[in-house]
Amino acid sequence: MQRYGDIVRAQGDHACEAIGLKINRVAGLTKAKRIRDFCVETGIRMNIEETGGSVIADTAAVHLAQATPRMFLRATWLCNDMLTIDTATGGARNQGGKTFAPEAPGLGVEPILDVLGEAIAVYK
C-alpha cells in the first residue's frame, strides 16, 4: 500500500485484514503514522517495518510499532543485523528475538558520521 488512497479503498472494499506498512515506501514516518492510525481505527492489522534499512531506519519502525496497540500489530522486523556496516550506535537491536525502542532522546541513535560520509544537503 504505497498511497493512502490505496489503503482507504482496500478497507472500503473489505479487501484486506492485514498489511505490510513500510515507512520508506509511504514517504516517511509522518505518512506511515497516518496510515497506521487509519488501520487502527478501521481494524486492519499491520506488520510495521522498514525496507531493508540501517539501524537508524529500523529504530524509526520500532518506535512506530511500539506505539501501536498490540492487537493491531502483527510483527516488526529488523534487518540491521544482516548489514556489514553499522551506521549508528544505540538504536533498536535484536535481543534474543525481541527489540524495544530506546529511551534516549529522539530516535535514540547516534549516527556514526565517519561511516555516513559527507552530507548531500543540509536544511536549516
PDB file of N, CA and C in Angstrom:
ATOM      1  N   MET A   1       0.844  -1.173   0.000  1.00  0.00           N
ATOM      2  CA  MET A   1       0.000   0.000   0.000  1.00  0.00           C
ATOM      3  C   MET A   1       0.890   1.236   0.000  1.00  0.00           C
ATOM      4  N   GLN A   2       1.182   1.746  -1.160  1.00  0.00           N
ATOM      5  CA  GLN A   2       2.105   2.864  -1.253  1.00  0.00           C
ATOM      6  C   GLN A   2       1.418   4.204  -1.081  1.00  0.00           C
ATOM      7  N   ARG A   3       0.139   4.286  -1.326  1.00  0.00           N
ATOM      8  CA  ARG A   3      -0.556   5.555  -1.192  1.00  0.00           C
ATOM      9  C   ARG A   3      -1.690   5.399  -0.193  1.00  0.00           C
ATOM     10  N   TYR A   4      -1.981   6.498   0.483  1.00  0.00           N
ATOM     11  CA  TYR A   4      -3.054   6.493   1.472  1.00  0.00           C
ATOM     12  C   TYR A   4      -4.375   6.075   0.837  1.00  0.00           C
ATOM     13  N   GLY A   5      -4.641   6.541  -0.387  1.00  0.00           N
ATOM     14  CA  GLY A   5      -5.884   6.187  -1.070  1.00  0.00           C
ATOM     15  C   GLY A   5      -6.027   4.695  -1.304  1.00  0.00           C
ATOM     16  N   ASP A   6      -4.914   4.000  -1.507  1.00  0.00           N
ATOM     17  CA  ASP A   6      -4.949   2.549  -1.715  1.00  0.00           C
ATOM     18  C   ASP A   6      -5.494   1.835  -0.484  1.00  0.00           C
ATOM     19  N   ILE A   7      -5.039   2.235   0.677  1.00  0.00           N
ATOM     20  CA  ILE A   7      -5.487   1.556   1.907  1.00  0.00           C
ATOM     21  C   ILE A   7      -6.935   1.908   2.220  1.00  0.00           C
ATOM     22  N   VAL A   8      -7.338   3.135   1.912  1.00  0.00           N
ATOM     23  CA  VAL A   8      -8.735   3.528   2.117  1.00  0.00           C
ATOM     24  C   VAL A   8      -9.637   2.693   1.210  1.00  0.00           C
ATOM     25  N   ARG A   9      -9.250   2.559  -0.059  1.00  0.00           N
ATOM     26  CA  ARG A   9     -10.040   1.761  -0.996  1.00  0.00           C
ATOM     27  C   ARG A   9     -10.081   0.288  -0.576  1.00  0.00           C
ATOM     28  N   ALA A  10      -8.933  -0.264  -0.181  1.00  0.00           N
ATOM     29  CA  ALA A  10      -8.882  -1.673   0.239  1.00  0.00           C
ATOM     30  C   ALA A  10      -9.778  -1.911   1.450  1.00  0.00           C
ATOM     31  N   GLN A  11      -9.778  -0.989   2.386  1.00  0.00           N
ATOM     32  CA  GLN A  11     -10.632  -1.139   3.571  1.00  0.00           C
ATOM     33  C   GLN A  11     -12.098  -1.052   3.170  1.00  0.00           C
ATOM     34  N   GLY A  12     -12.430  -0.083   2.305  1.00  0.00           N
ATOM     35  CA  GLY A  12     -13.820   0.070   1.860  1.00  0.00           C
ATOM     36  C   GLY A  12     -14.331  -1.139   1.095  1.00  0.00           C
ATOM     37  N   ASP A  13     -13.442  -1.794   0.362  1.00  0.00           N
ATOM     38  CA  ASP A  13     -13.801  -2.990  -0.397  1.00  0.00           C
ATOM     39  C   ASP A  13     -13.718  -4.265   0.448  1.00  0.00           C
ATOM     40  N   HIS A  14     -13.360  -4.138   1.715  1.00  0.00           N
ATOM     41  CA  HIS A  14     -13.145  -5.294   2.594  1.00  0.00           C
ATOM     42  C   HIS A  14     -12.158  -6.263   1.954  1.00  0.00           C
ATOM     43  N   ALA A  15     -11.086  -5.695   1.376  1.00  0.00           N
ATOM     44  CA  ALA A  15     -10.128  -6.483   0.602  1.00  0.00           C
ATOM     45  C   ALA A  15      -8.907  -6.932   1.393  1.00  0.00           C
ATOM     46  N   CYS A  16      -8.786  -6.521   2.646  1.00  0.00           N
ATOM     47  CA  CYS A  16      -7.612  -6.965   3.409  1.00  0.00           C
ATOM     48  C   CYS A  16      -7.910  -7.008   4.902  1.00  0.00           C
ATOM     49  N   GLU A  17      -7.223  -7.902   5.559  1.00  0.00           N
ATOM     50  CA  GLU A  17      -7.282  -7.996   7.008  1.00  0.00           C
ATOM     51  C   GLU A  17      -5.994  -7.508   7.637  1.00  0.00           C
ATOM     52  N   ALA A  18      -4.914  -7.475   6.830  1.00  0.00           N
ATOM     53  CA  ALA A  18      -3.606  -7.058   7.324  1.00  0.00           C
ATOM     54  C   ALA A  18      -2.801  -6.476   6.170  1.00  0.00           C
ATOM     55  N   ILE A  19      -1.866  -5.590   6.527  1.00  0.00           N
ATOM     56  CA  ILE A  19      -0.975  -5.014   5.522  1.00  0.00           C
ATOM     57  C   ILE A  19       0.459  -5.028   6.044  1.00  0.00           C
ATOM     58  N   GLY A  20       1.392  -4.863   5.130  1.00  0.00           N
ATOM     59  CA  GLY A  20       2.783  -4.619   5.480  1.00  0.00           C
ATOM     60  C   GLY A  20       3.040  -3.137   5.289  1.00  0.00           C
ATOM     61  N   LEU A  21       3.230  -2.417   6.378  1.00  0.00           N
ATOM     62  CA  LEU A  21       3.457  -0.976   6.332  1.00  0.00           C
ATOM     63  C   LEU A  21       4.958  -0.715   6.413  1.00  0.00           C
ATOM     64  N   LYS A  22       5.540  -0.277   5.295  1.00  0.00           N
ATOM     65  CA  LYS A  22       6.969   0.003   5.229  1.00  0.00           C
ATOM     66  C   LYS A  22       7.155   1.512   5.121  1.00  0.00           C
ATOM     67  N   ILE A  23       7.807   2.084   6.114  1.00  0.00           N
ATOM     68  CA  ILE A  23       7.898   3.533   6.256  1.00  0.00           C
ATOM     69  C   ILE A  23       8.457   4.210   5.002  1.00  0.00           C
ATOM     70  N   ASN A  24       9.554   3.731   4.469  1.00  0.00           N
ATOM     71  CA  ASN A  24      10.138   4.381   3.288  1.00  0.00           C
ATOM     72  C   ASN A  24       9.232   4.291   2.071  1.00  0.00           C
ATOM     73  N   ARG A  25       8.467   3.245   1.959  1.00  0.00           N
ATOM     74  CA  ARG A  25       7.597   3.082   0.783  1.00  0.00           C
ATOM     75  C   ARG A  25       6.407   4.029   0.793  1.00  0.00           C
ATOM     76  N   VAL A  26       6.078   4.582   1.957  1.00  0.00           N
ATOM     77  CA  VAL A  26       4.961   5.531   2.031  1.00  0.00           C
ATOM     78  C   VAL A  26       5.457   6.955   2.249  1.00  0.00           C
ATOM     79  N   ALA A  27       6.752   7.182   2.027  1.00  0.00           N
ATOM     80  CA  ALA A  27       7.359   8.527   2.050  1.00  0.00           C
ATOM     81  C   ALA A  27       7.605   9.073   3.451  1.00  0.00           C
ATOM     82  N   GLY A  28       7.840   8.199   4.411  1.00  0.00           N
ATOM     83  CA  GLY A  28       8.302   8.682   5.698  1.00  0.00           C
ATOM     84  C   GLY A  28       7.405   8.377   6.881  1.00  0.00           C
ATOM     85  N   LEU A  29       7.926   8.732   8.037  1.00  0.00           N
ATOM     86  CA  LEU A  29       7.301   8.410   9.317  1.00  0.00           C
ATOM     87  C   LEU A  29       5.954   9.101   9.515  1.00  0.00           C
ATOM     88  N   THR A  30       5.825  10.351   9.093  1.00  0.00           N
ATOM     89  CA  THR A  30       4.558  11.076   9.280  1.00  0.00           C
ATOM     90  C   THR A  30       3.431  10.409   8.507  1.00  0.00           C
ATOM     91  N   LYS A  31       3.677  10.080   7.238  1.00  0.00           N
ATOM     92  CA  LYS A  31       2.641   9.420   6.437  1.00  0.00           C
ATOM     93  C   LYS A  31       2.381   8.008   6.949  1.00  0.00           C
ATOM     94  N   ALA A  32       3.423   7.318   7.376  1.00  0.00           N
ATOM     95  CA  ALA A  32       3.245   5.969   7.930  1.00  0.00           C
ATOM     96  C   ALA A  32       2.374   6.015   9.183  1.00  0.00           C
ATOM     97  N   LYS A  33       2.568   7.030  10.019  1.00  0.00           N
ATOM     98  CA  LYS A  33       1.748   7.163  11.227  1.00  0.00           C
ATOM     99  C   LYS A  33       0.282   7.397  10.860  1.00  0.00           C
ATOM    100  N   ARG A  34       0.045   8.213   9.828  1.00  0.00           N
ATOM    101  CA  ARG A  34      -1.337   8.437   9.374  1.00  0.00           C
ATOM    102  C   ARG A  34      -1.988   7.134   8.925  1.00  0.00           C
ATOM    103  N   ILE A  35      -1.254   6.352   8.159  1.00  0.00           N
ATOM    104  CA  ILE A  35      -1.781   5.067   7.693  1.00  0.00           C
ATOM    105  C   ILE A  35      -1.989   4.132   8.876  1.00  0.00           C
ATOM    106  N   ARG A  36      -1.022   4.102   9.802  1.00  0.00           N
ATOM    107  CA  ARG A  36      -1.173   3.268  10.999  1.00  0.00           C
ATOM    108  C   ARG A  36      -2.427   3.657  11.775  1.00  0.00           C
ATOM    109  N   ASP A  37      -2.654   4.962  11.960  1.00  0.00           N
ATOM    110  CA  ASP A  37      -3.828   5.426  12.694  1.00  0.00           C
ATOM    111  C   ASP A  37      -5.119   5.023  11.995  1.00  0.00           C
ATOM    112  N   PHE A  38      -5.135   5.131  10.667  1.00  0.00           N
ATOM    113  CA  PHE A  38      -6.312   4.708   9.900  1.00  0.00           C
ATOM    114  C   PHE A  38      -6.561   3.216  10.090  1.00  0.00           C
ATOM    115  N   CYS A  39      -5.500   2.431  10.016  1.00  0.00           N
ATOM    116  CA  CYS A  39      -5.632   0.979  10.194  1.00  0.00           C
ATOM    117  C   CYS A  39      -6.166   0.628  11.577  1.00  0.00           C
ATOM    118  N   VAL A  40      -5.675   1.304  12.593  1.00  0.00           N
ATOM    119  CA  VAL A  40      -6.160   1.058  13.957  1.00  0.00           C
ATOM    120  C   VAL A  40      -7.650   1.386  14.046  1.00  0.00           C
ATOM    121  N   GLU A  41      -8.044   2.519  13.479  1.00  0.00           N
ATOM    122  CA  GLU A  41      -9.453   2.934  13.539  1.00  0.00           C
ATOM    123  C   GLU A  41     -10.387   2.011  12.764  1.00  0.00           C
ATOM    124  N   THR A  42      -9.869   1.356  11.733  1.00  0.00           N
ATOM    125  CA  THR A  42     -10.727   0.520  10.880  1.00  0.00           C
ATOM    126  C   THR A  42     -10.490  -0.981  11.061  1.00  0.00           C
ATOM    127  N   GLY A  43      -9.620  -1.341  12.009  1.00  0.00           N
ATOM    128  CA  GLY A  43      -9.452  -2.752  12.349  1.00  0.00           C
ATOM    129  C   GLY A  43      -8.505  -3.551  11.481  1.00  0.00           C
ATOM    130  N   ILE A  44      -7.585  -2.889  10.776  1.00  0.00           N
ATOM    131  CA  ILE A  44      -6.628  -3.597   9.935  1.00  0.00           C
ATOM    132  C   ILE A  44      -5.337  -3.815  10.715  1.00  0.00           C
ATOM    133  N   ARG A  45      -4.875  -5.070  10.771  1.00  0.00           N
ATOM    134  CA  ARG A  45      -3.620  -5.391  11.455  1.00  0.00           C
ATOM    135  C   ARG A  45      -2.437  -5.088  10.536  1.00  0.00           C
ATOM    136  N   MET A  46      -1.269  -4.893  11.143  1.00  0.00           N
ATOM    137  CA  MET A  46      -0.101  -4.471  10.363  1.00  0.00           C
ATOM    138  C   MET A  46       1.176  -5.159  10.796  1.00  0.00           C
ATOM    139  N   ASN A  47       2.055  -5.360   9.824  1.00  0.00           N
ATOM    140  CA  ASN A  47       3.479  -5.547  10.064  1.00  0.00           C
ATOM    141  C   ASN A  47       4.059  -4.161   9.840  1.00  0.00           C
ATOM    142  N   ILE A  48       4.797  -3.629  10.794  1.00  0.00           N
ATOM    143  CA  ILE A  48       5.399  -2.307  10.648  1.00  0.00           C
ATOM    144  C   ILE A  48       6.903  -2.502  10.581  1.00  0.00           C
ATOM    145  N   GLU A  49       7.491  -2.040   9.469  1.00  0.00           N
ATOM    146  CA  GLU A  49       8.918  -2.295   9.270  1.00  0.00           C
ATOM    147  C   GLU A  49       9.492  -1.313   8.261  1.00  0.00           C
ATOM    148  N   GLU A  50      10.779  -1.463   8.016  1.00  0.00           N
ATOM    149  CA  GLU A  50      11.478  -0.676   7.015  1.00  0.00           C
ATOM    150  C   GLU A  50      11.798  -1.553   5.829  1.00  0.00           C
ATOM    151  N   THR A  51      12.191  -0.932   4.756  1.00  0.00           N
ATOM    152  CA  THR A  51      12.543  -1.652   3.549  1.00  0.00           C
ATOM    153  C   THR A  51      14.046  -1.903   3.551  1.00  0.00           C
ATOM    154  N   GLY A  52      14.488  -2.874   4.320  1.00  0.00           N
ATOM    155  CA  GLY A  52      15.899  -3.227   4.351  1.00  0.00           C
ATOM    156  C   GLY A  52      16.816  -2.063   4.647  1.00  0.00           C
ATOM    157  N   GLY A  53      16.727  -1.533   5.841  1.00  0.00           N
ATOM    158  CA  GLY A  53      17.499  -0.346   6.171  1.00  0.00           C
ATOM    159  C   GLY A  53      18.509  -0.549   7.274  1.00  0.00           C
ATOM    160  N   SER A  54      19.106   0.527   7.657  1.00  0.00           N
ATOM    161  CA  SER A  54      20.112   0.550   8.721  1.00  0.00           C
ATOM    162  C   SER A  54      19.439   0.530  10.082  1.00  0.00           C
ATOM    163  N   VAL A  55      20.255   0.543  11.132  1.00  0.00           N
ATOM    164  CA  VAL A  55      19.707   0.604  12.486  1.00  0.00           C
ATOM    165  C   VAL A  55      18.935   1.908  12.690  1.00  0.00           C
ATOM    166  N   ILE A  56      19.298   2.949  11.975  1.00  0.00           N
ATOM    167  CA  ILE A  56      18.570   4.219  12.090  1.00  0.00           C
ATOM    168  C   ILE A  56      17.142   4.039  11.571  1.00  0.00           C
ATOM    169  N   ALA A  57      16.998   3.474  10.391  1.00  0.00           N
ATOM    170  CA  ALA A  57      15.677   3.242   9.812  1.00  0.00           C
ATOM    171  C   ALA A  57      14.890   2.209  10.623  1.00  0.00           C
ATOM    172  N   ASP A  58      15.543   1.128  11.021  1.00  0.00           N
ATOM    173  CA  ASP A  58      14.869   0.100  11.826  1.00  0.00           C
ATOM    174  C   ASP A  58      14.339   0.679  13.132  1.00  0.00           C
ATOM    175  N   THR A  59      15.101   1.573  13.741  1.00  0.00           N
ATOM    176  CA  THR A  59      14.691   2.156  15.025  1.00  0.00           C
ATOM    177  C   THR A  59      13.441   3.007  14.854  1.00  0.00           C
ATOM    178  N   ALA A  60      13.328   3.738  13.754  1.00  0.00           N
ATOM    179  CA  ALA A  60      12.111   4.512  13.490  1.00  0.00           C
ATOM    180  C   ALA A  60      10.908   3.571  13.393  1.00  0.00           C
ATOM    181  N   ALA A  61      11.073   2.457  12.715  1.00  0.00           N
ATOM    182  CA  ALA A  61       9.982   1.483  12.574  1.00  0.00           C
ATOM    183  C   ALA A  61       9.598   0.896  13.932  1.00  0.00           C
ATOM    184  N   VAL A  62      10.587   0.621  14.766  1.00  0.00           N
ATOM    185  CA  VAL A  62      10.306   0.057  16.095  1.00  0.00           C
ATOM    186  C   VAL A  62       9.552   1.063  16.961  1.00  0.00           C
ATOM    187  N   HIS A  63       9.916   2.330  16.875  1.00  0.00           N
ATOM    188  CA  HIS A  63       9.176   3.359  17.619  1.00  0.00           C
ATOM    189  C   HIS A  63       7.708   3.360  17.211  1.00  0.00           C
ATOM    190  N   LEU A  64       7.440   3.349  15.896  1.00  0.00           N
ATOM    191  CA  LEU A  64       6.059   3.346  15.415  1.00  0.00           C
ATOM    192  C   LEU A  64       5.341   2.065  15.829  1.00  0.00           C
ATOM    193  N   ALA A  65       6.012   0.944  15.705  1.00  0.00           N
ATOM    194  CA  ALA A  65       5.411  -0.336  16.080  1.00  0.00           C
ATOM    195  C   ALA A  65       5.090  -0.385  17.576  1.00  0.00           C
ATOM    196  N   GLN A  66       6.012   0.088  18.382  1.00  0.00           N
ATOM    197  CA  GLN A  66       5.815   0.043  19.836  1.00  0.00           C
ATOM    198  C   GLN A  66       4.685   0.969  20.277  1.00  0.00           C
ATOM    199  N   ALA A  67       4.402   2.011  19.489  1.00  0.00           N
ATOM    200  CA  ALA A  67       3.326   2.949  19.809  1.00  0.00           C
ATOM    201  C   ALA A  67       1.989   2.511  19.216  1.00  0.00           C
ATOM    202  N   THR A  68       1.935   1.317  18.652  1.00  0.00           N
ATOM    203  CA  THR A  68       0.731   0.783  18.031  1.00  0.00           C
ATOM    204  C   THR A  68       0.042  -0.169  19.008  1.00  0.00           C
ATOM    205  N   PRO A  69      -1.268  -0.056  19.188  1.00  0.00           N
ATOM    206  CA  PRO A  69      -1.956  -1.003  20.067  1.00  0.00           C
ATOM    207  C   PRO A  69      -1.641  -2.448  19.663  1.00  0.00           C
ATOM    208  N   ARG A  70      -1.320  -3.264  20.635  1.00  0.00           N
ATOM    209  CA  ARG A  70      -0.852  -4.632  20.405  1.00  0.00           C
ATOM    210  C   ARG A  70      -1.774  -5.446  19.501  1.00  0.00           C
ATOM    211  N   MET A  71      -3.069  -5.286  19.635  1.00  0.00           N
ATOM    212  CA  MET A  71      -3.985  -6.108  18.836  1.00  0.00           C
ATOM    213  C   MET A  71      -3.929  -5.780  17.345  1.00  0.00           C
ATOM    214  N   PHE A  72      -3.328  -4.642  16.976  1.00  0.00           N
ATOM    215  CA  PHE A  72      -3.224  -4.273  15.564  1.00  0.00           C
ATOM    216  C   PHE A  72      -1.821  -4.479  15.004  1.00  0.00           C
ATOM    217  N   LEU A  73      -0.890  -4.869  15.842  1.00  0.00           N
ATOM    218  CA  LEU A  73       0.481  -5.096  15.396  1.00  0.00           C
ATOM    219  C   LEU A  73       0.734  -6.589  15.258  1.00  0.00           C
ATOM    220  N   ARG A  74       0.966  -7.045  14.031  1.00  0.00           N
ATOM    221  CA  ARG A  74       1.289  -8.454  13.806  1.00  0.00           C
ATOM    222  C   ARG A  74       2.745  -8.717  14.125  1.00  0.00           C
ATOM    223  N   ALA A  75       3.638  -7.835  13.624  1.00  0.00           N
ATOM    224  CA  ALA A  75       5.075  -8.059  13.806  1.00  0.00           C
ATOM    225  C   ALA A  75       5.836  -6.827  13.347  1.00  0.00           C
ATOM    226  N   THR A  76       7.115  -6.825  13.668  1.00  0.00           N
ATOM    227  CA  THR A  76       8.053  -5.898  13.067  1.00  0.00           C
ATOM    228  C   THR A  76       9.318  -6.687  12.791  1.00  0.00           C
ATOM    229  N   TRP A  77      10.165  -6.161  11.942  1.00  0.00           N
ATOM    230  CA  TRP A  77      11.344  -6.913  11.502  1.00  0.00           C
ATOM    231  C   TRP A  77      12.531  -5.983  11.458  1.00  0.00           C
ATOM    232  N   LEU A  78      13.651  -6.436  11.973  1.00  0.00           N
ATOM    233  CA  LEU A  78      14.899  -5.679  11.916  1.00  0.00           C
ATOM    234  C   LEU A  78      15.830  -6.368  10.939  1.00  0.00           C
ATOM    235  N   CYS A  79      16.450  -5.594  10.083  1.00  0.00           N
ATOM    236  CA  CYS A  79      17.407  -6.198   9.167  1.00  0.00           C
ATOM    237  C   CYS A  79      18.823  -5.705   9.416  1.00  0.00           C
ATOM    238  N   ASN A  80      19.014  -4.803  10.377  1.00  0.00           N
ATOM    239  CA  ASN A  80      20.348  -4.231  10.568  1.00  0.00           C
ATOM    240  C   ASN A  80      21.387  -5.272  10.970  1.00  0.00           C
ATOM    241  N   ASP A  81      20.978  -6.383  11.557  1.00  0.00           N
ATOM    242  CA  ASP A  81      21.924  -7.453  11.902  1.00  0.00           C
ATOM    243  C   ASP A  81      22.550  -8.085  10.658  1.00  0.00           C
ATOM    244  N   MET A  82      21.888  -7.951   9.515  1.00  0.00           N
ATOM    245  CA  MET A  82      22.380  -8.556   8.283  1.00  0.00           C
ATOM    246  C   MET A  82      23.356  -7.657   7.522  1.00  0.00           C
ATOM    247  N   LEU A  83      23.505  -6.420   7.964  1.00  0.00           N
ATOM    248  CA  LEU A  83      24.398  -5.484   7.280  1.00  0.00           C
ATOM    249  C   LEU A  83      25.821  -5.613   7.813  1.00  0.00           C
ATOM    250  N   THR A  84      26.783  -5.370   6.965  1.00  0.00           N
ATOM    251  CA  THR A  84      28.186  -5.462   7.382  1.00  0.00           C
ATOM    252  C   THR A  84      28.714  -4.146   7.929  1.00  0.00           C
ATOM    253  N   ILE A  85      28.010  -3.049   7.672  1.00  0.00           N
ATOM    254  CA  ILE A  85      28.427  -1.742   8.167  1.00  0.00           C
ATOM    255  C   ILE A  85      27.344  -1.204   9.089  1.00  0.00           C
ATOM    256  N   ASP A  86      27.747  -0.757  10.259  1.00  0.00           N
ATOM    257  CA  ASP A  86      26.814  -0.167  11.212  1.00  0.00           C
ATOM    258  C   ASP A  86      26.885   1.346  11.074  1.00  0.00           C
ATOM    259  N   THR A  87      25.740   2.002  10.917  1.00  0.00           N
ATOM    260  CA  THR A  87      25.693   3.446  10.681  1.00  0.00           C
ATOM    261  C   THR A  87      25.468   4.270  11.942  1.00  0.00           C
ATOM    262  N   ALA A  88      25.241   3.610  13.085  1.00  0.00           N
ATOM    263  CA  ALA A  88      24.957   4.345  14.315  1.00  0.00           C
ATOM    264  C   ALA A  88      25.226   3.470  15.528  1.00  0.00           C
ATOM    265  N   THR A  89      25.384   4.121  16.653  1.00  0.00           N
ATOM    266  CA  THR A  89      25.419   3.412  17.928  1.00  0.00           C
ATOM    267  C   THR A  89      24.048   3.568  18.573  1.00  0.00           C
ATOM    268  N   GLY A  90      23.716   2.658  19.453  1.00  0.00           N
ATOM    269  CA  GLY A  90      22.392   2.695  20.078  1.00  0.00           C
ATOM    270  C   GLY A  90      21.353   2.159  19.122  1.00  0.00           C
ATOM    271  N   GLY A  91      20.136   2.548  19.342  1.00  0.00           N
ATOM    272  CA  GLY A  91      19.051   2.136  18.464  1.00  0.00           C
ATOM    273  C   GLY A  91      18.430   0.811  18.857  1.00  0.00           C
ATOM    274  N   ALA A  92      17.433   0.418  18.088  1.00  0.00           N
ATOM    275  CA  ALA A  92      16.719  -0.836  18.320  1.00  0.00           C
ATOM    276  C   ALA A  92      17.571  -1.987  17.795  1.00  0.00           C
ATOM    277  N   ARG A  93      17.897  -2.906  18.670  1.00  0.00           N
ATOM    278  CA  ARG A  93      18.721  -4.071  18.304  1.00  0.00           C
ATOM    279  C   ARG A  93      17.989  -5.341  18.714  1.00  0.00           C
ATOM    280  N   ASN A  94      18.244  -6.401  17.969  1.00  0.00           N
ATOM    281  CA  ASN A  94      17.664  -7.696  18.299  1.00  0.00           C
ATOM    282  C   ASN A  94      18.319  -8.215  19.579  1.00  0.00           C
ATOM    283  N   GLN A  95      17.495  -8.485  20.570  1.00  0.00           N
ATOM    284  CA  GLN A  95      17.978  -9.006  21.851  1.00  0.00           C
ATOM    285  C   GLN A  95      17.181 -10.266  22.176  1.00  0.00           C
ATOM    286  N   GLY A  96      17.701 -11.402  21.710  1.00  0.00           N
ATOM    287  CA  GLY A  96      17.020 -12.668  21.957  1.00  0.00           C
ATOM    288  C   GLY A  96      15.666 -12.760  21.285  1.00  0.00           C
ATOM    289  N   GLY A  97      15.540 -12.194  20.091  1.00  0.00           N
ATOM    290  CA  GLY A  97      14.276 -12.260  19.362  1.00  0.00           C
ATOM    291  C   GLY A  97      13.306 -11.142  19.698  1.00  0.00           C
ATOM    292  N   LYS A  98      13.709 -10.215  20.538  1.00  0.00           N
ATOM    293  CA  LYS A  98      12.852  -9.081  20.905  1.00  0.00           C
ATOM    294  C   LYS A  98      13.636  -7.796  20.714  1.00  0.00           C
ATOM    295  N   THR A  99      12.905  -6.724  20.544  1.00  0.00           N
ATOM    296  CA  THR A  99      13.536  -5.407  20.468  1.00  0.00           C
ATOM    297  C   THR A  99      12.610  -4.384  21.094  1.00  0.00           C
ATOM    298  N   PHE A 100      13.180  -3.298  21.528  1.00  0.00           N
ATOM    299  CA  PHE A 100      12.417  -2.213  22.126  1.00  0.00           C
ATOM    300  C   PHE A 100      12.998  -0.887  21.659  1.00  0.00           C
ATOM    301  N   ALA A 101      12.143   0.112  21.530  1.00  0.00           N
ATOM    302  CA  ALA A 101      12.607   1.444  21.178  1.00  0.00           C
ATOM    303  C   ALA A 101      13.469   1.989  22.315  1.00  0.00           C
ATOM    304  N   PRO A 102      14.582   2.613  22.000  1.00  0.00           N
ATOM    305  CA  PRO A 102      15.433   3.198  23.033  1.00  0.00           C
ATOM    306  C   PRO A 102      14.697   4.311  23.781  1.00  0.00           C
ATOM    307  N   GLU A 103      15.115   4.556  25.004  1.00  0.00           N
ATOM    308  CA  GLU A 103      14.510   5.625  25.791  1.00  0.00           C
ATOM    309  C   GLU A 103      15.272   6.935  25.662  1.00  0.00           C
ATOM    310  N   ALA A 104      16.364   6.951  24.931  1.00  0.00           N
ATOM    311  CA  ALA A 104      17.157   8.163  24.733  1.00  0.00           C
ATOM    312  C   ALA A 104      16.350   9.168  23.893  1.00  0.00           C
ATOM    313  N   PRO A 105      16.734  10.440  23.920  1.00  0.00           N
ATOM    314  CA  PRO A 105      16.010  11.461  23.142  1.00  0.00           C
ATOM    315  C   PRO A 105      15.996  11.156  21.651  1.00  0.00           C
ATOM    316  N   GLY A 106      14.987  11.671  20.967  1.00  0.00           N
ATOM    317  CA  GLY A 106      14.857  11.456  19.521  1.00  0.00           C
ATOM    318  C   GLY A 106      14.626   9.991  19.213  1.00  0.00           C
ATOM    319  N   LEU A 107      15.270   9.514  18.184  1.00  0.00           N
ATOM    320  CA  LEU A 107      15.157   8.092  17.856  1.00  0.00           C
ATOM    321  C   LEU A 107      15.936   7.218  18.823  1.00  0.00           C
ATOM    322  N   GLY A 108      16.910   7.819  19.512  1.00  0.00           N
ATOM    323  CA  GLY A 108      17.735   7.028  20.419  1.00  0.00           C
ATOM    324  C   GLY A 108      18.913   6.379  19.719  1.00  0.00           C
ATOM    325  N   VAL A 109      19.365   6.998  18.645  1.00  0.00           N
ATOM    326  CA  VAL A 109      20.544   6.528  17.924  1.00  0.00           C
ATOM    327  C   VAL A 109      21.533   7.684  17.803  1.00  0.00           C
ATOM    328  N   GLU A 110      22.789   7.342  17.721  1.00  0.00           N
ATOM    329  CA  GLU A 110      23.840   8.336  17.498  1.00  0.00           C
ATOM    330  C   GLU A 110      24.520   7.967  16.187  1.00  0.00           C
ATOM    331  N   PRO A 111      24.249   8.723  15.119  1.00  0.00           N
ATOM    332  CA  PRO A 111      24.860   8.399  13.822  1.00  0.00           C
ATOM    333  C   PRO A 111      26.389   8.414  13.892  1.00  0.00           C
ATOM    334  N   ILE A 112      27.011   7.493  13.188  1.00  0.00           N
ATOM    335  CA  ILE A 112      28.473   7.465  13.064  1.00  0.00           C
ATOM    336  C   ILE A 112      28.791   8.231  11.788  1.00  0.00           C
ATOM    337  N   LEU A 113      29.138   9.502  11.948  1.00  0.00           N
ATOM    338  CA  LEU A 113      29.296  10.398  10.809  1.00  0.00           C
ATOM    339  C   LEU A 113      30.408   9.974   9.864  1.00  0.00           C
ATOM    340  N   ASP A 114      31.485   9.385  10.396  1.00  0.00           N
ATOM    341  CA  ASP A 114      32.568   8.921   9.519  1.00  0.00           C
ATOM    342  C   ASP A 114      32.087   7.834   8.567  1.00  0.00           C
ATOM    343  N   VAL A 115      31.144   7.026   9.006  1.00  0.00           N
ATOM    344  CA  VAL A 115      30.597   5.959   8.161  1.00  0.00           C
ATOM    345  C   VAL A 115      29.624   6.545   7.137  1.00  0.00           C
ATOM    346  N   LEU A 116      28.814   7.489   7.563  1.00  0.00           N
ATOM    347  CA  LEU A 116      27.798   8.068   6.679  1.00  0.00           C
ATOM    348  C   LEU A 116      28.394   8.989   5.623  1.00  0.00           C
ATOM    349  N   GLY A 117      29.532   9.607   5.918  1.00  0.00           N
ATOM    350  CA  GLY A 117      30.192  10.468   4.935  1.00  0.00           C
ATOM    351  C   GLY A 117      29.640  11.874   4.911  1.00  0.00           C
ATOM    352  N   GLU A 118      30.044  12.607   3.897  1.00  0.00           N
ATOM    353  CA  GLU A 118      29.623  14.000   3.747  1.00  0.00           C
ATOM    354  C   GLU A 118      28.117  14.095   3.497  1.00  0.00           C
ATOM    355  N   ALA A 119      27.507  15.132   4.060  1.00  0.00           N
ATOM    356  CA  ALA A 119      26.088  15.383   3.824  1.00  0.00           C
ATOM    357  C   ALA A 119      25.874  15.772   2.367  1.00  0.00           C
ATOM    358  N   ILE A 120      24.833  15.258   1.771  1.00  0.00           N
ATOM    359  CA  ILE A 120      24.478  15.626   0.408  1.00  0.00           C
ATOM    360  C   ILE A 120      23.805  16.996   0.406  1.00  0.00           C
ATOM    361  N   ALA A 121      23.015  17.255   1.465  1.00  0.00           N
ATOM    362  CA  ALA A 121      22.325  18.541   1.596  1.00  0.00           C
ATOM    363  C   ALA A 121      22.119  18.804   3.081  1.00  0.00           C
ATOM    364  N   VAL A 122      22.064  20.076   3.445  1.00  0.00           N
ATOM    365  CA  VAL A 122      21.799  20.486   4.822  1.00  0.00           C
ATOM    366  C   VAL A 122      20.665  21.493   4.777  1.00  0.00           C
ATOM    367  N   TYR A 123      19.626  21.260   5.570  1.00  0.00           N
ATOM    368  CA  TYR A 123      18.446  22.138   5.609  1.00  0.00           C
ATOM    369  C   TYR A 123      18.358  22.762   6.991  1.00  0.00           C
ATOM    370  N   LYS A 124      18.235  24.077   7.030  1.00  0.00           N
ATOM    371  CA  LYS A 124      18.140  24.783   8.319  1.00  0.00           C
ATOM    372  C   LYS A 124      16.888  25.598   8.373  1.00  0.00           C
TER     373      LYS A 124
END
